[in-house]
N, C-alpha and C. Protein backbone atom coordinates (compact mmCIF):
# COMPACT_ATOMS: atom_id res chain seq x y z
N MET A 1 94.09 100.30 93.80
CA MET A 1 94.39 99.29 94.73
C MET A 1 95.39 99.82 95.77
N ALA A 2 95.02 99.67 97.12
CA ALA A 2 95.97 100.04 98.03
C ALA A 2 97.54 99.38 98.07
N SER A 3 98.43 100.27 98.01
CA SER A 3 99.84 100.11 98.44
C SER A 3 100.21 99.13 99.57
N ASP A 4 100.88 98.36 99.36
CA ASP A 4 101.38 97.28 100.52
C ASP A 4 102.49 98.37 101.42
N LYS A 5 103.13 99.40 100.37
CA LYS A 5 104.22 100.24 101.10
C LYS A 5 103.67 100.95 102.37
N VAL A 6 102.36 101.15 102.39
CA VAL A 6 101.92 102.17 103.35
C VAL A 6 101.53 101.21 104.76
N LEU A 7 102.13 102.13 105.58
CA LEU A 7 101.93 101.34 107.10
C LEU A 7 101.13 101.88 107.62
N HIS A 8 100.28 100.91 108.53
CA HIS A 8 99.14 101.52 109.17
C HIS A 8 99.72 101.30 110.57
N VAL A 9 99.96 102.72 111.01
CA VAL A 9 100.12 102.40 112.57
C VAL A 9 99.13 102.79 113.60
N THR A 10 99.33 102.29 114.82
CA THR A 10 98.67 102.42 115.92
C THR A 10 99.23 103.32 117.05
N ASP A 11 98.71 104.06 118.12
CA ASP A 11 99.22 104.79 119.02
C ASP A 11 100.18 104.34 119.65
N GLY A 12 100.29 102.81 120.04
CA GLY A 12 101.44 101.91 120.66
C GLY A 12 102.58 102.02 119.58
N GLU A 13 102.29 101.71 118.32
CA GLU A 13 103.45 101.78 117.44
C GLU A 13 104.08 103.24 116.99
N PHE A 14 103.44 104.17 117.41
CA PHE A 14 103.72 105.62 116.43
C PHE A 14 105.15 105.98 116.89
N ASP A 15 105.38 105.84 117.90
CA ASP A 15 106.87 106.18 118.38
C ASP A 15 107.92 105.46 117.94
N ASN A 16 107.65 103.92 117.83
CA ASN A 16 108.84 103.32 116.81
C ASN A 16 108.73 103.63 115.43
N THR A 17 107.88 103.46 114.91
CA THR A 17 107.50 103.56 113.59
C THR A 17 107.85 104.94 112.97
N VAL A 18 107.46 106.00 113.69
CA VAL A 18 107.54 107.24 113.26
C VAL A 18 108.48 108.18 113.88
N VAL A 19 108.41 108.47 115.27
CA VAL A 19 109.34 109.13 115.98
C VAL A 19 110.81 108.59 115.62
N GLY A 20 110.94 107.27 115.99
CA GLY A 20 112.22 106.72 116.06
C GLY A 20 112.89 106.18 114.95
N ASN A 21 112.34 106.86 113.41
CA ASN A 21 112.64 106.35 112.27
C ASN A 21 113.63 106.98 111.78
N ASP A 22 114.73 106.34 111.13
CA ASP A 22 115.79 107.40 110.41
C ASP A 22 115.31 107.97 109.21
N LEU A 23 114.20 107.52 108.82
CA LEU A 23 114.07 108.02 107.42
C LEU A 23 112.98 109.22 107.51
N PRO A 24 112.65 109.96 106.97
CA PRO A 24 111.35 111.03 107.06
C PRO A 24 110.30 110.30 106.80
N CYS A 25 108.99 110.48 107.76
CA CYS A 25 107.89 109.80 107.78
C CYS A 25 106.63 110.78 107.39
N LEU A 26 105.62 110.52 106.73
CA LEU A 26 104.27 111.17 106.38
C LEU A 26 103.37 110.38 106.91
N VAL A 27 102.68 111.13 107.78
CA VAL A 27 101.51 110.17 108.46
C VAL A 27 100.20 110.86 107.99
N ASP A 28 99.35 110.02 107.73
CA ASP A 28 98.10 110.42 107.33
C ASP A 28 97.10 110.15 108.25
N PHE A 29 96.33 111.06 109.26
CA PHE A 29 95.51 110.81 110.14
C PHE A 29 94.21 110.87 109.53
N TRP A 30 93.30 109.83 109.41
CA TRP A 30 92.12 109.73 108.55
C TRP A 30 91.25 108.68 109.29
N ALA A 31 90.05 108.74 108.88
CA ALA A 31 88.90 107.80 109.58
C ALA A 31 88.35 107.26 108.26
N PRO A 32 87.63 105.94 108.33
CA PRO A 32 87.04 105.35 107.40
C PRO A 32 85.87 106.14 106.64
N TRP A 33 85.29 106.78 107.66
CA TRP A 33 83.82 107.69 107.23
C TRP A 33 84.25 109.24 106.87
N CYS A 34 85.38 109.46 106.24
CA CYS A 34 85.88 110.51 105.93
C CYS A 34 86.03 110.79 104.34
N GLY A 35 84.95 111.24 103.80
CA GLY A 35 85.14 111.40 102.48
C GLY A 35 86.30 111.77 102.02
N PRO A 36 87.02 113.32 102.03
CA PRO A 36 87.97 113.55 101.54
C PRO A 36 89.41 112.78 102.07
N CYS A 37 89.24 111.70 103.21
CA CYS A 37 90.28 111.00 103.45
C CYS A 37 90.34 109.92 102.57
N LYS A 38 89.10 109.61 102.00
CA LYS A 38 89.15 108.35 101.06
C LYS A 38 89.60 109.02 99.57
N ALA A 39 89.13 110.23 99.34
CA ALA A 39 89.90 111.00 98.00
C ALA A 39 91.24 111.00 97.85
N ILE A 40 91.96 111.24 98.93
CA ILE A 40 93.19 111.29 98.73
C ILE A 40 94.12 110.04 99.25
N GLY A 41 93.15 108.94 99.65
CA GLY A 41 93.87 107.64 99.93
C GLY A 41 94.66 107.25 98.65
N PRO A 42 94.18 107.07 97.39
CA PRO A 42 95.02 106.83 96.21
C PRO A 42 96.19 107.44 95.93
N VAL A 43 96.13 108.58 96.45
CA VAL A 43 97.39 109.65 96.28
C VAL A 43 98.47 109.34 97.16
N ILE A 44 97.96 108.85 98.41
CA ILE A 44 99.06 108.34 99.39
C ILE A 44 99.35 107.33 98.96
N ASP A 45 98.94 106.26 98.35
CA ASP A 45 99.27 105.05 97.93
C ASP A 45 100.62 105.32 96.87
N GLU A 46 100.13 106.41 95.98
CA GLU A 46 101.32 106.56 94.82
C GLU A 46 102.59 106.85 95.45
N LEU A 47 102.00 108.09 96.36
CA LEU A 47 103.26 108.67 97.04
C LEU A 47 104.28 107.38 97.68
N ALA A 48 103.73 106.49 98.46
CA ALA A 48 104.36 105.49 99.01
C ALA A 48 105.13 104.59 98.15
N GLU A 49 104.69 104.48 97.02
CA GLU A 49 105.33 103.56 95.97
C GLU A 49 106.54 104.47 95.23
N GLU A 50 106.43 105.71 94.98
CA GLU A 50 107.40 106.74 94.56
C GLU A 50 108.70 107.05 95.20
N PHE A 51 108.15 107.04 96.75
CA PHE A 51 109.11 107.50 97.71
C PHE A 51 109.84 106.30 98.44
N ASP A 52 109.37 105.20 98.02
CA ASP A 52 109.83 104.02 98.90
C ASP A 52 111.27 103.84 98.79
N GLY A 53 111.70 103.77 100.28
CA GLY A 53 113.22 103.82 100.49
C GLY A 53 113.71 105.07 100.88
N LYS A 54 112.80 105.74 100.50
CA LYS A 54 113.45 107.42 100.95
C LYS A 54 112.43 107.87 102.22
N VAL A 55 111.15 107.62 102.03
CA VAL A 55 110.18 108.17 103.16
C VAL A 55 109.12 107.17 103.40
N VAL A 56 109.01 107.12 104.69
CA VAL A 56 108.07 106.24 105.12
C VAL A 56 106.56 106.73 105.37
N ILE A 57 105.73 106.08 104.57
CA ILE A 57 104.53 106.44 104.51
C ILE A 57 103.50 105.95 105.36
N THR A 58 102.40 106.40 106.25
CA THR A 58 101.65 105.78 107.20
C THR A 58 100.58 106.53 107.34
N LYS A 59 99.51 105.73 107.84
CA LYS A 59 98.25 105.99 107.98
C LYS A 59 97.89 105.69 109.55
N MET A 60 96.94 106.63 110.11
CA MET A 60 96.60 106.10 111.35
C MET A 60 95.03 106.60 111.47
N ASN A 61 94.31 105.64 111.81
CA ASN A 61 92.87 105.62 112.00
C ASN A 61 92.70 106.58 113.22
N VAL A 62 92.11 107.79 113.12
CA VAL A 62 91.83 108.39 114.64
C VAL A 62 90.99 108.03 115.36
N ASP A 63 89.81 107.10 114.85
CA ASP A 63 88.94 106.90 115.56
C ASP A 63 89.30 105.24 116.34
N ASP A 64 90.16 104.58 115.99
CA ASP A 64 90.91 103.53 116.74
C ASP A 64 91.93 103.91 117.45
N ASN A 65 92.73 105.21 117.01
CA ASN A 65 93.75 105.25 117.84
C ASN A 65 93.77 107.02 118.14
N PRO A 66 93.00 107.15 119.33
CA PRO A 66 92.67 108.82 119.59
C PRO A 66 94.08 109.50 120.40
N ALA A 67 94.72 108.71 121.00
CA ALA A 67 95.86 109.46 121.76
C ALA A 67 96.89 110.01 121.05
N THR A 68 97.49 109.65 119.83
CA THR A 68 98.51 110.28 118.89
C THR A 68 97.72 111.24 118.21
N PRO A 69 96.71 111.48 117.68
CA PRO A 69 96.05 112.56 117.21
C PRO A 69 95.70 113.80 118.34
N GLY A 70 95.28 113.32 119.35
CA GLY A 70 95.22 114.53 120.51
C GLY A 70 96.57 114.93 120.94
N LYS A 71 97.68 114.13 120.72
CA LYS A 71 99.07 114.75 121.31
C LYS A 71 99.21 115.93 120.09
N PHE A 72 98.96 115.80 119.07
CA PHE A 72 99.23 116.60 117.82
C PHE A 72 98.31 117.68 117.66
N GLY A 73 97.28 117.55 118.43
CA GLY A 73 96.27 118.65 118.02
C GLY A 73 95.44 118.60 116.87
N ILE A 74 95.21 117.60 116.30
CA ILE A 74 94.44 117.11 115.36
C ILE A 74 93.23 117.45 115.63
N ARG A 75 92.47 118.48 114.62
CA ARG A 75 91.14 118.89 114.93
C ARG A 75 90.25 118.56 113.73
N ALA A 76 90.76 118.18 112.84
CA ALA A 76 90.17 117.97 111.41
C ALA A 76 91.06 117.07 110.50
N ILE A 77 90.17 116.24 109.91
CA ILE A 77 90.77 115.12 108.85
C ILE A 77 90.51 115.25 107.53
N PRO A 78 91.26 114.63 106.69
CA PRO A 78 92.57 114.40 106.80
C PRO A 78 93.54 115.44 107.27
N THR A 79 94.45 115.23 108.16
CA THR A 79 95.59 116.00 108.52
C THR A 79 96.78 114.94 107.94
N LEU A 80 97.79 115.69 107.58
CA LEU A 80 99.02 115.02 107.28
C LEU A 80 100.21 115.69 107.85
N ILE A 81 100.84 114.95 108.61
CA ILE A 81 101.99 115.56 109.38
C ILE A 81 103.39 114.70 108.82
N LEU A 82 104.38 115.59 108.47
CA LEU A 82 105.54 115.18 108.14
C LEU A 82 106.80 115.22 109.16
N PHE A 83 107.57 114.29 109.31
CA PHE A 83 108.25 113.78 110.69
C PHE A 83 109.71 113.61 109.79
N LYS A 84 110.78 114.28 110.55
CA LYS A 84 112.10 114.26 110.35
C LYS A 84 112.64 114.32 111.53
N ASP A 85 113.46 112.99 111.54
CA ASP A 85 114.32 113.08 113.14
C ASP A 85 113.27 113.18 114.29
N GLY A 86 112.18 112.76 114.08
CA GLY A 86 111.66 112.65 115.36
C GLY A 86 110.67 113.94 115.41
N GLU A 87 110.79 115.17 114.59
CA GLU A 87 110.30 116.39 114.67
C GLU A 87 109.34 116.61 113.63
N VAL A 88 108.08 117.50 113.91
CA VAL A 88 107.15 117.83 113.11
C VAL A 88 108.09 118.72 112.04
N VAL A 89 107.96 118.49 110.95
CA VAL A 89 108.54 119.43 109.78
C VAL A 89 107.38 120.44 109.10
N ASP A 90 106.24 119.56 108.87
CA ASP A 90 105.21 120.40 108.20
C ASP A 90 103.88 119.56 108.68
N LYS A 91 102.77 120.37 108.25
CA LYS A 91 101.38 120.12 108.58
C LYS A 91 100.41 120.73 107.83
N VAL A 92 99.79 119.64 107.11
CA VAL A 92 98.62 120.07 106.25
C VAL A 92 97.39 119.62 106.48
N THR A 93 96.05 120.29 106.53
CA THR A 93 94.99 119.86 106.66
C THR A 93 94.08 119.98 105.41
N GLY A 94 93.18 118.68 105.10
CA GLY A 94 92.46 118.80 103.99
C GLY A 94 92.91 117.71 102.92
N ALA A 95 92.00 117.75 101.92
CA ALA A 95 92.38 116.66 100.84
C ALA A 95 93.36 117.65 99.60
N ILE A 96 94.53 117.92 99.82
CA ILE A 96 95.24 118.65 98.88
C ILE A 96 95.99 117.56 97.71
N GLY A 97 96.47 118.33 96.74
CA GLY A 97 96.93 117.50 95.58
C GLY A 97 98.32 116.92 95.93
N LYS A 98 98.20 116.05 94.93
CA LYS A 98 99.54 115.60 94.83
C LYS A 98 100.65 116.24 94.67
N THR A 99 100.80 117.14 93.87
CA THR A 99 101.61 118.22 93.62
C THR A 99 102.17 118.71 95.05
N GLN A 100 101.16 119.09 95.51
CA GLN A 100 101.53 119.85 96.90
C GLN A 100 101.89 118.87 97.94
N LEU A 101 101.80 117.57 97.93
CA LEU A 101 102.32 116.40 98.73
C LEU A 101 103.68 116.30 98.45
N VAL A 102 103.92 116.29 97.04
CA VAL A 102 105.31 115.90 96.88
C VAL A 102 106.28 117.32 97.42
N GLU A 103 105.82 118.29 97.18
CA GLU A 103 106.45 119.54 97.88
C GLU A 103 106.89 119.65 99.03
N LEU A 104 105.68 119.00 99.55
CA LEU A 104 105.82 118.80 101.36
C LEU A 104 106.78 117.87 101.69
N ILE A 105 106.91 116.47 100.77
CA ILE A 105 107.64 115.39 101.17
C ILE A 105 109.20 116.00 100.83
N ASN A 106 109.24 116.63 99.73
CA ASN A 106 110.66 116.97 99.66
C ASN A 106 111.23 118.15 100.57
N LYS A 107 110.59 118.67 101.25
CA LYS A 107 111.10 119.46 102.47
C LYS A 107 112.05 118.59 103.19
N ALA A 108 111.74 117.21 103.47
CA ALA A 108 112.25 116.36 104.30
C ALA A 108 113.47 115.81 103.65
N LEU A 109 113.46 115.84 102.40
CA LEU A 109 114.74 114.76 101.70
C LEU A 109 116.03 116.03 101.55
């Protein structure tokens, strides 16, 4: 079941939702046709529940929103980028495990 804690952001909302946020933000750049993206979807949902109030978890559909992925040089999906204070803290590409994602997020806390 998809979490209602995951925010779906567009190119137009990205700066306000992610860059301008007081909390660290994890952005999952994905597409509906991407198998590995679907595979980590439930993990992203779990993280949104577990880190609720501490980290903002967002997803951006790269097909619908090409400007932001282009700005960050995203060439493959899924790519997850962790932002803190509007700056990129870390970036990973591929369907990585939950443990690795928790370690990634903890860097910003």
